[in-house]
């Protein structure tokens, strides 16, 4: 469980640069940064030798979280809230 949490911490660290004023667009449009984060999650999954069902759940949750974060930064995407059971609508970004 400790390594599972490590994967989510790494994912959160991926999105922290997006919290700075006007610099969040760099994090959203940087595929290299995203691929490095997925690579780290892959390392965690492989090191822990997760069974396929648990590994796929790790990837799914991390990918949904990444997508929902990108939705907040780019109006061209549609949120998965309402399309995935038990996924509530996320709070809108404060524009003030």
N, C-alpha and C. Protein backbone atom coordinates (compact mmCIF):
# COMPACT_ATOMS: atom_id res chain seq x y z
N UNK A 1 0.83 -1.19 0.00
CA UNK A 1 0.00 0.00 0.00
C UNK A 1 0.87 1.25 0.00
N UNK A 2 2.06 1.15 0.61
CA UNK A 2 2.96 2.30 0.66
C UNK A 2 3.38 2.71 -0.74
N UNK A 3 3.67 1.74 -1.59
CA UNK A 3 4.11 2.04 -2.95
C UNK A 3 2.95 2.54 -3.81
N UNK A 4 1.75 2.09 -3.49
CA UNK A 4 0.57 2.57 -4.20
C UNK A 4 0.41 4.07 -3.94
N UNK A 5 0.61 4.48 -2.69
CA UNK A 5 0.54 5.89 -2.34
C UNK A 5 1.65 6.68 -3.02
N UNK A 6 2.81 6.06 -3.18
CA UNK A 6 3.92 6.72 -3.84
C UNK A 6 3.55 7.10 -5.27
N UNK A 7 2.83 6.25 -5.95
CA UNK A 7 2.40 6.54 -7.32
C UNK A 7 1.51 7.77 -7.38
N UNK A 8 0.60 7.89 -6.43
CA UNK A 8 -0.28 9.05 -6.43
C UNK A 8 0.46 10.31 -6.02
N UNK A 9 1.44 10.19 -5.13
CA UNK A 9 2.26 11.35 -4.78
C UNK A 9 3.03 11.82 -6.00
N UNK A 10 3.57 10.90 -6.77
CA UNK A 10 4.28 11.28 -8.00
C UNK A 10 3.35 11.96 -8.98
N UNK A 11 2.13 11.46 -9.08
CA UNK A 11 1.16 12.09 -9.97
C UNK A 11 0.82 13.49 -9.49
N UNK A 12 0.67 13.65 -8.19
CA UNK A 12 0.39 14.98 -7.65
C UNK A 12 1.55 15.93 -7.92
N UNK A 13 2.77 15.43 -7.78
CA UNK A 13 3.94 16.27 -8.06
C UNK A 13 3.98 16.70 -9.52
N UNK A 14 3.43 15.89 -10.39
CA UNK A 14 3.36 16.25 -11.80
C UNK A 14 2.50 17.49 -12.01
N UNK A 15 1.45 17.62 -11.21
CA UNK A 15 0.52 18.72 -11.41
C UNK A 15 0.80 19.94 -10.54
N UNK A 16 1.71 19.84 -9.58
CA UNK A 16 2.02 21.00 -8.75
C UNK A 16 2.56 22.19 -9.53
N UNK A 17 3.39 21.99 -10.53
CA UNK A 17 3.84 23.17 -11.29
C UNK A 17 2.68 23.93 -11.93
N UNK A 18 1.58 23.28 -12.17
CA UNK A 18 0.43 23.93 -12.76
C UNK A 18 -0.30 24.85 -11.81
N UNK A 19 0.07 24.85 -10.54
CA UNK A 19 -0.60 25.70 -9.56
C UNK A 19 -0.06 27.13 -9.57
N UNK A 20 1.08 27.34 -10.16
CA UNK A 20 1.65 28.68 -10.20
C UNK A 20 0.89 29.55 -11.20
N UNK A 21 0.87 30.83 -10.92
CA UNK A 21 0.17 31.79 -11.76
C UNK A 21 0.68 31.74 -13.20
N UNK A 22 -0.21 31.55 -14.15
CA UNK A 22 0.07 31.59 -15.59
C UNK A 22 1.01 30.50 -16.09
N UNK A 23 1.55 29.66 -15.23
CA UNK A 23 2.47 28.63 -15.68
C UNK A 23 1.78 27.27 -15.79
N UNK A 24 0.53 27.20 -15.45
CA UNK A 24 -0.16 25.91 -15.49
C UNK A 24 -0.30 25.39 -16.91
N UNK A 25 -0.36 26.28 -17.88
CA UNK A 25 -0.52 25.82 -19.26
C UNK A 25 0.71 25.04 -19.72
N UNK A 26 1.88 25.35 -19.19
CA UNK A 26 3.08 24.60 -19.55
C UNK A 26 2.97 23.14 -19.10
N UNK A 27 2.43 22.92 -17.91
CA UNK A 27 2.28 21.54 -17.41
C UNK A 27 1.24 20.77 -18.22
N UNK A 28 0.17 21.45 -18.63
CA UNK A 28 -0.88 20.77 -19.40
C UNK A 28 -0.42 20.40 -20.79
N UNK A 29 0.45 21.20 -21.37
CA UNK A 29 0.83 20.97 -22.77
C UNK A 29 2.18 20.28 -22.91
N UNK A 30 2.69 19.70 -21.83
CA UNK A 30 4.01 19.07 -21.88
C UNK A 30 3.86 17.54 -21.85
N UNK A 31 3.87 16.89 -23.00
CA UNK A 31 3.70 15.43 -23.01
C UNK A 31 4.88 14.69 -22.40
N UNK A 32 6.07 15.29 -22.42
CA UNK A 32 7.24 14.64 -21.83
C UNK A 32 7.07 14.54 -20.32
N UNK A 33 6.58 15.59 -19.70
CA UNK A 33 6.36 15.58 -18.25
C UNK A 33 5.34 14.51 -17.88
N UNK A 34 4.28 14.40 -18.66
CA UNK A 34 3.26 13.38 -18.39
C UNK A 34 3.83 11.98 -18.59
N UNK A 35 4.61 11.78 -19.65
CA UNK A 35 5.15 10.44 -19.90
C UNK A 35 6.15 10.03 -18.82
N UNK A 36 6.89 10.98 -18.27
CA UNK A 36 7.79 10.66 -17.16
C UNK A 36 7.01 10.23 -15.92
N UNK A 37 5.89 10.89 -15.69
CA UNK A 37 5.06 10.53 -14.54
C UNK A 37 4.48 9.13 -14.71
N UNK A 38 4.02 8.82 -15.90
CA UNK A 38 3.49 7.47 -16.17
C UNK A 38 4.60 6.44 -16.04
N UNK A 39 5.80 6.78 -16.48
CA UNK A 39 6.95 5.87 -16.34
C UNK A 39 7.23 5.58 -14.87
N UNK A 40 7.17 6.60 -14.01
CA UNK A 40 7.38 6.40 -12.58
C UNK A 40 6.29 5.51 -11.99
N UNK A 41 5.05 5.72 -12.40
CA UNK A 41 3.97 4.85 -11.94
C UNK A 41 4.21 3.42 -12.41
N UNK A 42 4.67 3.27 -13.63
CA UNK A 42 4.99 1.94 -14.17
C UNK A 42 6.08 1.28 -13.33
N UNK A 43 7.10 2.04 -12.94
CA UNK A 43 8.16 1.49 -12.09
C UNK A 43 7.61 1.01 -10.75
N UNK A 44 6.70 1.78 -10.16
CA UNK A 44 6.11 1.39 -8.88
C UNK A 44 5.31 0.10 -9.04
N UNK A 45 4.52 0.02 -10.09
CA UNK A 45 3.70 -1.17 -10.32
C UNK A 45 4.59 -2.39 -10.54
N UNK A 46 5.64 -2.24 -11.31
CA UNK A 46 6.52 -3.39 -11.59
C UNK A 46 7.32 -3.79 -10.36
N UNK A 47 7.78 -2.83 -9.56
CA UNK A 47 8.56 -3.16 -8.36
C UNK A 47 7.72 -3.91 -7.34
N UNK A 48 6.44 -3.59 -7.28
CA UNK A 48 5.56 -4.24 -6.31
C UNK A 48 4.94 -5.52 -6.84
N UNK A 49 5.17 -5.82 -8.11
CA UNK A 49 4.65 -7.03 -8.71
C UNK A 49 3.14 -7.17 -8.48
N UNK A 50 2.41 -6.08 -8.76
CA UNK A 50 0.96 -6.09 -8.59
C UNK A 50 0.32 -7.08 -9.56
N UNK A 51 -0.73 -7.77 -9.12
CA UNK A 51 -1.49 -8.60 -10.06
C UNK A 51 -2.14 -7.69 -11.13
N UNK A 52 -2.47 -8.24 -12.28
CA UNK A 52 -2.99 -7.41 -13.37
C UNK A 52 -4.21 -6.56 -13.01
N UNK A 53 -5.12 -7.09 -12.22
CA UNK A 53 -6.32 -6.33 -11.88
C UNK A 53 -5.96 -5.10 -11.06
N UNK A 54 -5.09 -5.25 -10.08
CA UNK A 54 -4.69 -4.11 -9.26
C UNK A 54 -3.85 -3.13 -10.07
N UNK A 55 -2.97 -3.64 -10.89
CA UNK A 55 -2.14 -2.76 -11.73
C UNK A 55 -3.01 -1.93 -12.67
N UNK A 56 -3.99 -2.56 -13.29
CA UNK A 56 -4.84 -1.82 -14.22
C UNK A 56 -5.66 -0.76 -13.49
N UNK A 57 -6.06 -1.06 -12.26
CA UNK A 57 -6.80 -0.07 -11.47
C UNK A 57 -5.90 1.12 -11.14
N UNK A 58 -4.63 0.86 -10.81
CA UNK A 58 -3.69 1.95 -10.55
C UNK A 58 -3.57 2.86 -11.77
N UNK A 59 -3.39 2.26 -12.93
CA UNK A 59 -3.26 3.05 -14.16
C UNK A 59 -4.55 3.81 -14.47
N UNK A 60 -5.68 3.17 -14.27
CA UNK A 60 -6.96 3.82 -14.58
C UNK A 60 -7.19 5.03 -13.68
N UNK A 61 -7.00 4.87 -12.37
CA UNK A 61 -7.21 5.99 -11.46
C UNK A 61 -6.25 7.14 -11.76
N UNK A 62 -4.99 6.82 -12.00
CA UNK A 62 -4.01 7.87 -12.29
C UNK A 62 -4.33 8.57 -13.61
N UNK A 63 -4.76 7.82 -14.60
CA UNK A 63 -5.08 8.42 -15.90
C UNK A 63 -6.34 9.28 -15.83
N UNK A 64 -7.33 8.83 -15.09
CA UNK A 64 -8.55 9.63 -14.92
C UNK A 64 -8.22 10.92 -14.18
N UNK A 65 -7.41 10.84 -13.13
CA UNK A 65 -7.01 12.04 -12.39
C UNK A 65 -6.26 13.01 -13.30
N UNK A 66 -5.36 12.49 -14.12
CA UNK A 66 -4.60 13.35 -15.04
C UNK A 66 -5.54 13.99 -16.06
N UNK A 67 -6.46 13.23 -16.60
CA UNK A 67 -7.39 13.76 -17.59
C UNK A 67 -8.27 14.84 -16.98
N UNK A 68 -8.81 14.58 -15.79
CA UNK A 68 -9.68 15.56 -15.14
C UNK A 68 -8.91 16.85 -14.83
N UNK A 69 -7.65 16.75 -14.53
CA UNK A 69 -6.84 17.94 -14.30
C UNK A 69 -6.65 18.70 -15.60
N UNK A 70 -6.45 17.99 -16.69
CA UNK A 70 -6.31 18.66 -17.99
C UNK A 70 -7.62 19.31 -18.42
N UNK A 71 -8.75 18.73 -18.04
CA UNK A 71 -10.05 19.32 -18.36
C UNK A 71 -10.16 20.70 -17.73
N UNK A 72 -9.67 20.84 -16.51
CA UNK A 72 -9.74 22.13 -15.83
C UNK A 72 -8.89 23.19 -16.53
N UNK A 73 -7.84 22.78 -17.20
CA UNK A 73 -6.95 23.74 -17.85
C UNK A 73 -7.25 23.99 -19.31
N UNK A 74 -8.12 23.21 -19.91
CA UNK A 74 -8.40 23.35 -21.33
C UNK A 74 -9.89 23.09 -21.57
N UNK A 75 -10.59 24.11 -22.00
CA UNK A 75 -12.03 24.02 -22.19
C UNK A 75 -12.46 23.14 -23.35
N UNK A 76 -11.54 22.66 -24.15
CA UNK A 76 -11.90 21.81 -25.29
C UNK A 76 -12.28 20.40 -24.85
N UNK A 77 -11.89 20.01 -23.64
CA UNK A 77 -12.16 18.66 -23.16
C UNK A 77 -13.43 18.64 -22.32
N UNK A 78 -14.10 17.50 -22.29
CA UNK A 78 -15.30 17.33 -21.49
C UNK A 78 -14.98 16.44 -20.30
N UNK A 79 -15.45 16.83 -19.13
CA UNK A 79 -15.20 16.06 -17.91
C UNK A 79 -15.86 14.69 -17.99
N UNK A 80 -15.28 13.75 -17.29
CA UNK A 80 -15.83 12.39 -17.22
C UNK A 80 -16.88 12.26 -16.11
N UNK A 81 -17.09 13.34 -15.34
CA UNK A 81 -18.10 13.32 -14.28
C UNK A 81 -19.46 13.05 -14.92
N UNK A 82 -20.19 12.12 -14.37
CA UNK A 82 -21.47 11.72 -14.93
C UNK A 82 -21.34 10.58 -15.93
N UNK A 83 -20.16 10.39 -16.48
CA UNK A 83 -19.93 9.29 -17.41
C UNK A 83 -19.34 8.08 -16.69
N UNK A 84 -18.64 8.36 -15.58
CA UNK A 84 -18.07 7.30 -14.75
C UNK A 84 -18.84 7.28 -13.44
N UNK A 85 -19.36 6.14 -13.09
CA UNK A 85 -20.15 6.02 -11.88
C UNK A 85 -19.34 6.43 -10.65
N UNK A 86 -19.95 7.19 -9.78
CA UNK A 86 -19.39 7.66 -8.51
C UNK A 86 -18.28 8.70 -8.69
N UNK A 87 -18.12 9.25 -9.87
CA UNK A 87 -17.15 10.33 -10.07
C UNK A 87 -17.90 11.65 -10.04
N UNK A 88 -17.74 12.41 -8.95
CA UNK A 88 -18.47 13.68 -8.85
C UNK A 88 -17.82 14.75 -9.74
N UNK A 89 -18.58 15.78 -10.00
CA UNK A 89 -18.03 16.91 -10.75
C UNK A 89 -16.99 17.61 -9.88
N UNK A 90 -15.87 17.94 -10.48
CA UNK A 90 -14.81 18.62 -9.74
C UNK A 90 -15.12 20.11 -9.66
N UNK A 91 -14.61 20.79 -8.62
CA UNK A 91 -14.83 22.23 -8.52
C UNK A 91 -14.18 22.95 -9.70
N UNK A 92 -14.83 24.01 -10.15
CA UNK A 92 -14.29 24.79 -11.27
C UNK A 92 -13.11 25.63 -10.80
N UNK A 93 -12.25 25.95 -11.74
CA UNK A 93 -11.06 26.75 -11.45
C UNK A 93 -11.47 28.18 -11.13
N UNK A 94 -10.89 28.74 -10.09
CA UNK A 94 -11.16 30.12 -9.70
C UNK A 94 -10.45 31.05 -10.67
N UNK A 95 -11.21 31.86 -11.37
CA UNK A 95 -10.62 32.75 -12.38
C UNK A 95 -10.37 34.15 -11.85
N UNK A 96 -10.71 34.41 -10.59
CA UNK A 96 -10.50 35.76 -10.05
C UNK A 96 -9.09 35.97 -9.56
